[in-house]
C-alpha atoms as a PDB file:
ATOM      1  CA  UNK A   1     -11.485 -92.634   3.765  1.00  0.00           C
ATOM      2  CA  UNK A   2      -7.858 -93.714   3.861  1.00  0.00           C
ATOM      3  CA  UNK A   3      -5.800 -92.361   0.985  1.00  0.00           C
ATOM      4  CA  UNK A   4      -2.563 -94.013  -0.095  1.00  0.00           C
ATOM      5  CA  UNK A   5       0.266 -92.849  -2.347  1.00  0.00           C
ATOM      6  CA  UNK A   6       2.664 -95.277  -3.992  1.00  0.00           C
ATOM      7  CA  UNK A   7       5.641 -93.100  -4.812  1.00  0.00           C
ATOM      8  CA  UNK A   8       6.840 -90.071  -2.859  1.00  0.00           C
ATOM      9  CA  UNK A   9       7.706 -87.745  -5.723  1.00  0.00           C
ATOM     10  CA  UNK A  10       6.803 -84.113  -6.321  1.00  0.00           C
ATOM     11  CA  UNK A  11       3.276 -84.755  -7.543  1.00  0.00           C
ATOM     12  CA  UNK A  12       2.380 -87.095  -4.703  1.00  0.00           C
ATOM     13  CA  UNK A  13       3.659 -84.425  -2.336  1.00  0.00           C
ATOM     14  CA  UNK A  14       1.630 -81.715  -4.061  1.00  0.00           C
ATOM     15  CA  UNK A  15      -1.598 -83.724  -3.849  1.00  0.00           C
ATOM     16  CA  UNK A  16      -0.981 -84.763  -0.261  1.00  0.00           C
ATOM     17  CA  UNK A  17      -0.166 -81.208   0.821  1.00  0.00           C
ATOM     18  CA  UNK A  18      -3.327 -79.975  -0.871  1.00  0.00           C
ATOM     19  CA  UNK A  19      -5.458 -82.544   0.918  1.00  0.00           C
ATOM     20  CA  UNK A  20      -3.953 -81.589   4.286  1.00  0.00           C
ATOM     21  CA  UNK A  21      -4.069 -77.818   3.745  1.00  0.00           C
ATOM     22  CA  UNK A  22      -7.618 -78.058   2.434  1.00  0.00           C
ATOM     23  CA  UNK A  23      -8.681 -80.011   5.527  1.00  0.00           C
ATOM     24  CA  UNK A  24     -10.157 -82.839   3.458  1.00  0.00           C
ATOM     25  CA  UNK A  25      -8.291 -85.555   5.372  1.00  0.00           C
ATOM     26  CA  UNK A  26      -6.122 -85.779   8.469  1.00  0.00           C
ATOM     27  CA  UNK A  27      -2.522 -87.012   8.477  1.00  0.00           C
ATOM     28  CA  UNK A  28      -3.483 -90.299  10.159  1.00  0.00           C
ATOM     29  CA  UNK A  29      -5.713 -91.097   7.155  1.00  0.00           C
ATOM     30  CA  UNK A  30      -2.787 -90.888   4.732  1.00  0.00           C
ATOM     31  CA  UNK A  31      -0.214 -93.496   3.709  1.00  0.00           C
ATOM     32  CA  UNK A  32       2.875 -93.042   1.518  1.00  0.00           C
ATOM     33  CA  UNK A  33       5.329 -95.648   0.265  1.00  0.00           C
ATOM     34  CA  UNK A  34       8.665 -95.284  -1.463  1.00  0.00           C
ATOM     35  CA  UNK A  35      11.563 -97.680  -1.872  1.00  0.00           C
ATOM     36  CA  UNK A  36      14.005 -95.036  -0.649  1.00  0.00           C
ATOM     37  CA  UNK A  37      13.533 -94.252   3.032  1.00  0.00           C
ATOM     38  CA  UNK A  38      15.042 -90.774   2.765  1.00  0.00           C
ATOM     39  CA  UNK A  39      12.262 -89.729   0.370  1.00  0.00           C
ATOM     40  CA  UNK A  40       9.726 -90.477   3.116  1.00  0.00           C
ATOM     41  CA  UNK A  41      11.229 -88.270   5.810  1.00  0.00           C
ATOM     42  CA  UNK A  42       9.332 -85.102   4.918  1.00  0.00           C
ATOM     43  CA  UNK A  43       6.028 -87.022   4.907  1.00  0.00           C
ATOM     44  CA  UNK A  44       6.799 -88.618   8.264  1.00  0.00           C
ATOM     45  CA  UNK A  45       7.329 -85.139   9.732  1.00  0.00           C
ATOM     46  CA  UNK A  46       3.741 -84.335   8.750  1.00  0.00           C
ATOM     47  CA  UNK A  47       2.468 -87.297  10.776  1.00  0.00           C
ATOM     48  CA  UNK A  48       1.611 -89.342   7.688  1.00  0.00           C
ATOM     49  CA  UNK A  49       2.076 -93.124   7.775  1.00  0.00           C
ATOM     50  CA  UNK A  50       5.161 -94.069   5.747  1.00  0.00           C
ATOM     51  CA  UNK A  51       6.595 -97.375   4.572  1.00  0.00           C
ATOM     52  CA  UNK A  52       8.945 -98.846   1.996  1.00  0.00           C
ATOM     53  CA  UNK A  53       6.371-101.603   1.331  1.00  0.00           C
ATOM     54  CA  UNK A  54       3.984-100.786  -1.535  1.00  0.00           C
ATOM     55  CA  UNK A  55       1.714-103.674  -0.551  1.00  0.00           C
ATOM     56  CA  UNK A  56       1.235-102.151   2.902  1.00  0.00           C
ATOM     57  CA  UNK A  57      -0.172 -98.986   1.357  1.00  0.00           C
ATOM     58  CA  UNK A  58      -2.381-101.043  -0.967  1.00  0.00           C
ATOM     59  CA  UNK A  59      -3.761-102.973   2.025  1.00  0.00           C
ATOM     60  CA  UNK A  60      -4.361 -99.967   4.249  1.00  0.00           C
ATOM     61  CA  UNK A  61      -5.810 -97.469   1.769  1.00  0.00           C
ATOM     62  CA  UNK A  62      -9.313 -97.324   0.292  1.00  0.00           C
ATOM     63  CA  UNK A  63      -8.034 -95.259  -2.631  1.00  0.00           C
ATOM     64  CA  UNK A  64      -4.498 -95.689  -3.983  1.00  0.00           C
ATOM     65  CA  UNK A  65      -2.820 -93.010  -6.097  1.00  0.00           C
ATOM     66  CA  UNK A  66      -0.015 -94.251  -8.329  1.00  0.00           C
ATOM     67  CA  UNK A  67       2.588 -91.501  -8.057  1.00  0.00           C
ATOM     68  CA  UNK A  68       5.404 -93.505  -9.666  1.00  0.00           C
ATOM     69  CA  UNK A  69       7.350 -92.958 -12.871  1.00  0.00           C
ATOM     70  CA  UNK A  70       5.849 -94.575 -15.986  1.00  0.00           C
ATOM     71  CA  UNK A  71       8.728 -97.043 -16.307  1.00  0.00           C
ATOM     72  CA  UNK A  72       7.946 -98.457 -12.852  1.00  0.00           C
ATOM     73  CA  UNK A  73       4.376 -99.539 -13.617  1.00  0.00           C
ATOM     74  CA  UNK A  74       5.459-102.941 -14.917  1.00  0.00           C
ATOM     75  CA  UNK A  75       7.216-103.672 -11.619  1.00  0.00           C
ATOM     76  CA  UNK A  76       4.743-102.170  -9.152  1.00  0.00           C
ATOM     77  CA  UNK A  77       1.315-103.158 -10.500  1.00  0.00           C
ATOM     78  CA  UNK A  78       1.865-106.940 -10.177  1.00  0.00           C
ATOM     79  CA  UNK A  79       2.964-106.353  -6.563  1.00  0.00           C
ATOM     80  CA  UNK A  80      -0.273-104.687  -5.549  1.00  0.00           C
ATOM     81  CA  UNK A  81      -2.819-106.352  -7.859  1.00  0.00           C
ATOM     82  CA  UNK A  82      -4.258-108.709  -5.237  1.00  0.00           C
ATOM     83  CA  UNK A  83      -4.306-106.060  -2.507  1.00  0.00           C
ATOM     84  CA  UNK A  84      -6.355-103.507  -4.454  1.00  0.00           C
ATOM     85  CA  UNK A  85      -9.216-105.726  -5.616  1.00  0.00           C
ATOM     86  CA  UNK A  86     -12.480-103.928  -4.945  1.00  0.00           C
ATOM     87  CA  UNK A  87     -10.679-100.653  -4.219  1.00  0.00           C
ATOM     88  CA  UNK A  88     -10.036 -97.480  -6.178  1.00  0.00           C
ATOM     89  CA  UNK A  89      -6.731 -96.976  -7.991  1.00  0.00           C
ATOM     90  CA  UNK A  90      -5.906 -93.669  -9.626  1.00  0.00           C
ATOM     91  CA  UNK A  91      -3.099 -93.188 -12.138  1.00  0.00           C
ATOM     92  CA  UNK A  92      -1.588 -89.729 -12.558  1.00  0.00           C
ATOM     93  CA  UNK A  93       0.907 -90.937 -15.149  1.00  0.00           C
ATOM     94  CA  UNK A  94       0.833 -90.058 -18.837  1.00  0.00           C
ATOM     95  CA  UNK A  95       0.414 -92.810 -21.365  1.00  0.00           C
ATOM     96  CA  UNK A  96      -1.309 -95.635 -19.505  1.00  0.00           C
ATOM     97  CA  UNK A  97      -4.922 -96.011 -20.623  1.00  0.00           C
ATOM     98  CA  UNK A  98      -7.833 -97.089 -18.460  1.00  0.00           C
ATOM     99  CA  UNK A  99      -8.212-100.215 -20.599  1.00  0.00           C
ATOM    100  CA  UNK A 100      -4.589-101.217 -19.983  1.00  0.00           C
ATOM    101  CA  UNK A 101      -4.838-100.463 -16.268  1.00  0.00           C
ATOM    102  CA  UNK A 102      -7.957-102.632 -15.985  1.00  0.00           C
ATOM    103  CA  UNK A 103      -6.044-105.524 -17.561  1.00  0.00           C
ATOM    104  CA  UNK A 104      -3.212-105.145 -15.069  1.00  0.00           C
ATOM    105  CA  UNK A 105      -5.480-104.649 -12.047  1.00  0.00           C
ATOM    106  CA  UNK A 106      -8.536-106.845 -12.541  1.00  0.00           C
ATOM    107  CA  UNK A 107     -11.311-106.422 -10.018  1.00  0.00           C
ATOM    108  CA  UNK A 108     -10.435-102.862  -8.943  1.00  0.00           C
ATOM    109  CA  UNK A 109     -11.897 -99.504  -9.919  1.00  0.00           C
ATOM    110  CA  UNK A 110      -9.308 -97.695 -12.043  1.00  0.00           C
ATOM    111  CA  UNK A 111      -9.302 -93.985 -12.835  1.00  0.00           C
ATOM    112  CA  UNK A 112      -6.955 -91.496 -14.488  1.00  0.00           C
ATOM    113  CA  UNK A 113      -6.136 -87.889 -13.683  1.00  0.00           C
ATOM    114  CA  UNK A 114      -3.613 -85.349 -14.868  1.00  0.00           C
ATOM    115  CA  UNK A 115      -2.860 -82.792 -12.126  1.00  0.00           C
ATOM    116  CA  UNK A 116      -0.209 -80.096 -12.110  1.00  0.00           C
ATOM    117  CA  UNK A 117       2.231 -78.907  -9.461  1.00  0.00           C
ATOM    118  CA  UNK A 118       0.444 -75.620  -8.574  1.00  0.00           C
ATOM    119  CA  UNK A 119      -1.613 -77.913  -6.335  1.00  0.00           C
ATOM    120  CA  UNK A 120       1.191 -77.123  -3.880  1.00  0.00           C
ATOM    121  CA  UNK A 121      -0.120 -73.580  -3.469  1.00  0.00           C
ATOM    122  CA  UNK A 122      -3.826 -74.366  -3.747  1.00  0.00           C
ATOM    123  CA  UNK A 123      -4.023 -73.250  -7.384  1.00  0.00           C
ATOM    124  CA  UNK A 124      -3.930 -76.595  -9.134  1.00  0.00           C
ATOM    125  CA  UNK A 125      -5.564 -77.575 -12.403  1.00  0.00           C
ATOM    126  CA  UNK A 126      -6.521 -81.248 -12.685  1.00  0.00           C
ATOM    127  CA  UNK A 127      -8.130 -83.103 -15.567  1.00  0.00           C
ATOM    128  CA  UNK A 128     -10.010 -86.227 -14.489  1.00  0.00           C
ATOM    129  CA  UNK A 129     -10.939 -88.772 -17.138  1.00  0.00           C
ATOM    130  CA  UNK A 130     -14.666 -89.415 -17.360  1.00  0.00           C
ATOM    131  CA  UNK A 131     -15.935 -92.149 -15.058  1.00  0.00           C
ATOM    132  CA  UNK A 132     -16.080 -95.631 -16.519  1.00  0.00           C
ATOM    133  CA  UNK A 133     -19.075 -97.821 -15.791  1.00  0.00           C
ATOM    134  CA  UNK A 134     -17.496 -99.936 -13.048  1.00  0.00           C
ATOM    135  CA  UNK A 135     -16.435 -96.984 -10.872  1.00  0.00           C
ATOM    136  CA  UNK A 136     -18.927 -96.192  -8.087  1.00  0.00           C
ATOM    137  CA  UNK A 137     -20.247 -92.644  -8.174  1.00  0.00           C
ATOM    138  CA  UNK A 138     -19.267 -91.963  -4.557  1.00  0.00           C
ATOM    139  CA  UNK A 139     -15.676 -93.069  -5.221  1.00  0.00           C
ATOM    140  CA  UNK A 140     -15.455 -90.818  -8.290  1.00  0.00           C
ATOM    141  CA  UNK A 141     -16.766 -87.902  -6.220  1.00  0.00           C
ATOM    142  CA  UNK A 142     -14.134 -88.595  -3.541  1.00  0.00           C
ATOM    143  CA  UNK A 143     -11.413 -88.388  -6.185  1.00  0.00           C
ATOM    144  CA  UNK A 144     -12.835 -85.078  -7.399  1.00  0.00           C
ATOM    145  CA  UNK A 145     -12.821 -83.826  -3.813  1.00  0.00           C
ATOM    146  CA  UNK A 146      -9.148 -84.774  -3.362  1.00  0.00           C
ATOM    147  CA  UNK A 147      -8.103 -82.539  -6.242  1.00  0.00           C
ATOM    148  CA  UNK A 148     -10.724 -79.846  -5.628  1.00  0.00           C
ATOM    149  CA  UNK A 149      -9.178 -79.318  -2.184  1.00  0.00           C
ATOM    150  CA  UNK A 150      -6.241 -77.595  -3.890  1.00  0.00           C
ATOM    151  CA  UNK A 151      -7.552 -76.275  -7.181  1.00  0.00           C
ATOM    152  CA  UNK A 152     -10.039 -76.753  -9.983  1.00  0.00           C
ATOM    153  CA  UNK A 153     -11.057 -80.076 -11.542  1.00  0.00           C
ATOM    154  CA  UNK A 154     -12.132 -80.604 -15.156  1.00  0.00           C
ATOM    155  CA  UNK A 155     -13.783 -83.895 -16.143  1.00  0.00           C
ATOM    156  CA  UNK A 156     -12.790 -84.718 -19.735  1.00  0.00           C
ATOM    157  CA  UNK A 157     -13.018 -87.678 -22.118  1.00  0.00           C
ATOM    158  CA  UNK A 158     -10.003 -89.943 -21.665  1.00  0.00           C
ATOM    159  CA  UNK A 159      -8.801 -89.354 -25.221  1.00  0.00           C
ATOM    160  CA  UNK A 160      -8.187 -85.689 -24.337  1.00  0.00           C
ATOM    161  CA  UNK A 161      -5.803 -86.426 -21.462  1.00  0.00           C
ATOM    162  CA  UNK A 162      -2.762 -86.083 -23.751  1.00  0.00           C
ATOM    163  CA  UNK A 163      -3.940 -82.609 -24.781  1.00  0.00           C
ATOM    164  CA  UNK A 164      -4.394 -81.672 -21.125  1.00  0.00           C
ATOM    165  CA  UNK A 165      -0.822 -82.728 -20.378  1.00  0.00           C
ATOM    166  CA  UNK A 166       0.383 -80.226 -22.968  1.00  0.00           C
ATOM    167  CA  UNK A 167      -1.773 -77.313 -21.818  1.00  0.00           C
ATOM    168  CA  UNK A 168      -1.819 -77.856 -18.043  1.00  0.00           C
ATOM    169  CA  UNK A 169       0.277 -80.809 -16.856  1.00  0.00           C
ATOM    170  CA  UNK A 170       3.624 -79.809 -18.346  1.00  0.00           C
ATOM    171  CA  UNK A 171       2.913 -76.110 -18.859  1.00  0.00           C
ATOM    172  CA  UNK A 172       4.050 -74.787 -15.458  1.00  0.00           C
ATOM    173  CA  UNK A 173       7.557 -75.411 -16.779  1.00  0.00           C
ATOM    174  CA  UNK A 174       6.787 -73.190 -19.784  1.00  0.00           C
ATOM    175  CA  UNK A 175       5.909 -70.282 -17.499  1.00  0.00           C
ATOM    176  CA  UNK A 176       8.865 -70.913 -15.179  1.00  0.00           C
ATOM    177  CA  UNK A 177      11.224 -70.892 -18.136  1.00  0.00           C
ATOM    178  CA  UNK A 178       9.778 -67.652 -19.460  1.00  0.00           C
ATOM    179  CA  UNK A 179      10.074 -66.079 -16.008  1.00  0.00           C
ATOM    180  CA  UNK A 180      13.687 -67.223 -15.767  1.00  0.00           C
ATOM    181  CA  UNK A 181      14.473 -65.680 -19.167  1.00  0.00           C
ATOM    182  CA  UNK A 182      12.822 -62.410 -18.095  1.00  0.00           C
ATOM    183  CA  UNK A 183      14.822 -62.358 -14.854  1.00  0.00           C
ATOM    184  CA  UNK A 184      18.085 -62.935 -16.694  1.00  0.00           C
ATOM    185  CA  UNK A 185      17.227 -60.141 -19.139  1.00  0.00           C
ATOM    186  CA  UNK A 186      16.292 -57.879 -16.212  1.00  0.00           C
ATOM    187  CA  UNK A 187      19.641 -58.550 -14.581  1.00  0.00           C
ATOM    188  CA  UNK A 188      21.420 -57.659 -17.793  1.00  0.00           C
ATOM    189  CA  UNK A 189      19.513 -54.362 -17.749  1.00  0.00           C
ATOM    190  CA  UNK A 190      20.644 -53.622 -14.199  1.00  0.00           C
ATOM    191  CA  UNK A 191      17.846 -54.939 -11.959  1.00  0.00           C
ATOM    192  CA  UNK A 192      18.554 -57.014  -8.878  1.00  0.00           C
ATOM    193  CA  UNK A 193      17.583 -60.683  -9.533  1.00  0.00           C
ATOM    194  CA  UNK A 194      15.218 -60.831  -6.526  1.00  0.00           C
ATOM    195  CA  UNK A 195      13.423 -57.691  -7.692  1.00  0.00           C
ATOM    196  CA  UNK A 196      13.197 -58.899 -11.274  1.00  0.00           C
ATOM    197  CA  UNK A 197      11.828 -62.302 -10.210  1.00  0.00           C
ATOM    198  CA  UNK A 198       9.157 -60.778  -8.006  1.00  0.00           C
ATOM    199  CA  UNK A 199       8.129 -58.292 -10.681  1.00  0.00           C
ATOM    200  CA  UNK A 200       7.866 -61.022 -13.315  1.00  0.00           C
ATOM    201  CA  UNK A 201       5.959 -63.406 -11.033  1.00  0.00           C
ATOM    202  CA  UNK A 202       3.499 -60.768  -9.829  1.00  0.00           C
ATOM    203  CA  UNK A 203       2.880 -59.687 -13.398  1.00  0.00           C
ATOM    204  CA  UNK A 204       2.193 -63.287 -14.423  1.00  0.00           C
ATOM    205  CA  UNK A 205      -0.172 -63.716 -11.486  1.00  0.00           C
ATOM    206  CA  UNK A 206      -2.027 -60.486 -12.209  1.00  0.00           C
ATOM    207  CA  UNK A 207      -2.246 -61.185 -15.921  1.00  0.00           C
ATOM    208  CA  UNK A 208      -3.711 -64.630 -15.240  1.00  0.00           C
ATOM    209  CA  UNK A 209      -6.308 -63.082 -12.929  1.00  0.00           C
ATOM    210  CA  UNK A 210      -7.255 -60.539 -15.626  1.00  0.00           C
ATOM    211  CA  UNK A 211      -7.627 -63.339 -18.163  1.00  0.00           C
ATOM    212  CA  UNK A 212      -9.905 -65.307 -15.839  1.00  0.00           C
ATOM    213  CA  UNK A 213     -12.014 -62.406 -14.575  1.00  0.00           C
ATOM    214  CA  UNK A 214     -12.166 -59.718 -17.280  1.00  0.00           C
ATOM    215  CA  UNK A 215     -14.379 -61.595 -19.717  1.00  0.00           C
ATOM    216  CA  UNK A 216     -11.970 -60.645 -22.503  1.00  0.00           C
ATOM    217  CA  UNK A 217      -9.952 -62.937 -24.729  1.00  0.00           C
ATOM    218  CA  UNK A 218      -6.180 -63.160 -24.525  1.00  0.00           C
ATOM    219  CA  UNK A 219      -5.984 -61.352 -27.848  1.00  0.00           C
ATOM    220  CA  UNK A 220      -8.185 -58.510 -26.618  1.00  0.00           C
ATOM    221  CA  UNK A 221      -6.103 -58.103 -23.470  1.00  0.00           C
ATOM    222  CA  UNK A 222      -2.910 -58.086 -25.530  1.00  0.00           C
ATOM    223  CA  UNK A 223      -4.238 -55.280 -27.704  1.00  0.00           C
ATOM    224  CA  UNK A 224      -5.368 -53.399 -24.590  1.00  0.00           C
ATOM    225  CA  UNK A 225      -1.754 -53.222 -23.360  1.00  0.00           C
ATOM    226  CA  UNK A 226      -0.430 -52.033 -26.715  1.00  0.00           C
ATOM    227  CA  UNK A 227      -0.260 -48.396 -27.768  1.00  0.00           C
ATOM    228  CA  UNK A 228       0.516 -47.418 -31.378  1.00  0.00           C
ATOM    229  CA  UNK A 229       4.264 -46.996 -31.713  1.00  0.00           C
ATOM    230  CA  UNK A 230       4.750 -47.859 -28.057  1.00  0.00           C
ATOM    231  CA  UNK A 231       7.088 -50.070 -26.067  1.00  0.00           C
ATOM    232  CA  UNK A 232       4.822 -53.152 -25.903  1.00  0.00           C
ATOM    233  CA  UNK A 233       4.402 -53.302 -29.665  1.00  0.00           C
ATOM    234  CA  UNK A 234       8.161 -52.959 -30.036  1.00  0.00           C
ATOM    235  CA  UNK A 235       8.645 -55.906 -27.688  1.00  0.00           C
ATOM    236  CA  UNK A 236       6.068 -58.038 -29.484  1.00  0.00           C
ATOM    237  CA  UNK A 237       7.850 -57.603 -32.815  1.00  0.00           C
ATOM    238  CA  UNK A 238      10.518 -59.920 -31.363  1.00  0.00           C
ATOM    239  CA  UNK A 239       7.786 -62.508 -30.722  1.00  0.00           C
ATOM    240  CA  UNK A 240       6.767 -62.160 -34.370  1.00  0.00           C
ATOM    241  CA  UNK A 241      10.321 -62.334 -35.683  1.00  0.00           C
ATOM    242  CA  UNK A 242      11.007 -65.521 -33.741  1.00  0.00           C
ATOM    243  CA  UNK A 243       7.622 -67.144 -34.546  1.00  0.00           C
ATOM    244  CA  UNK A 244       6.450 -67.307 -30.936  1.00  0.00           C
ATOM    245  CA  UNK A 245       3.067 -68.924 -31.615  1.00  0.00           C
ATOM    246  CA  UNK A 246       4.674 -71.536 -33.860  1.00  0.00           C
ATOM    247  CA  UNK A 247       7.192 -72.384 -31.145  1.00  0.00           C
ATOM    248  CA  UNK A 248       4.423 -72.804 -28.545  1.00  0.00           C
ATOM    249  CA  UNK A 249       2.407 -74.979 -30.905  1.00  0.00           C
ATOM    250  CA  UNK A 250       5.421 -77.159 -31.654  1.00  0.00           C
ATOM    251  CA  UNK A 251       6.211 -77.509 -27.943  1.00  0.00           C
ATOM    252  CA  UNK A 252       2.682 -78.707 -27.213  1.00  0.00           C
ATOM    253  CA  UNK A 253       2.685 -81.122 -30.138  1.00  0.00           C
ATOM    254  CA  UNK A 254       5.978 -82.624 -28.938  1.00  0.00           C
ATOM    255  CA  UNK A 255       4.512 -82.986 -25.458  1.00  0.00           C
ATOM    256  CA  UNK A 256       1.469 -84.842 -26.821  1.00  0.00           C
ATOM    257  CA  UNK A 257       3.627 -87.084 -29.030  1.00  0.00           C
ATOM    258  CA  UNK A 258       5.800 -88.049 -26.081  1.00  0.00           C
ATOM    259  CA  UNK A 259       2.759 -88.895 -23.991  1.00  0.00           C
ATOM    260  CA  UNK A 260       1.442 -91.072 -26.820  1.00  0.00           C
ATOM    261  CA  UNK A 261       4.812 -92.800 -27.124  1.00  0.00           C
ATOM    262  CA  UNK A 262       4.579 -93.738 -23.453  1.00  0.00           C
ATOM    263  CA  UNK A 263       1.038 -95.010 -23.956  1.00  0.00           C
ATOM    264  CA  UNK A 264      -0.332 -98.479 -23.435  1.00  0.00           C
END
């Protein structure tokens, strides 16, 4: 299989790196296009085929991943429509439905996925919209393999993609922001920033592993850390005072609304 990426942004890079590190494909099987040549330099160093011509990628690849910003779909899809007939096209953008994509790209097999950037370190979480009737089973399995090479894949109904964006697609930024706040607070308390960052990150990593492997709920694990009258309970009173759960819920609702606003 030849895999092509239209757009050389962070997510295209994360998927491509995962495919290479996972050994699913070799560099000579990969194509990347971007209108800015400088964005292609890091891919060229990997031995990947690069071009500023989107149509070249569409011609060469068996499966094309649309790694472009949502506002560029109206410009790019008409360019490649004839070249992708009979091929697979995968959108990783919020908002654009399978029905709309089929209208723009008649005669090709369209799919949708919502990956996240931890693909870069082999710990990705990708939601793949359920296969529509015109998509061959072997093509759908190849798409699953692309994302499974660098993480875990969940097949979900398309109408849940917006919810996935809130809980997995955008959420790495939630954790990064919390880590940054913890590091800044640690500095204020006298810790070196490098130490504080590593402590916070390792604690996040370990806590995630406990949540996945302990068989306990997040609530049960929270209570396990707390001692009556202890330091953890004192810290969590600040979460209560500032309505932490309400803030998280509002953040996720705003994320979903924005995805729906982008939708077609």
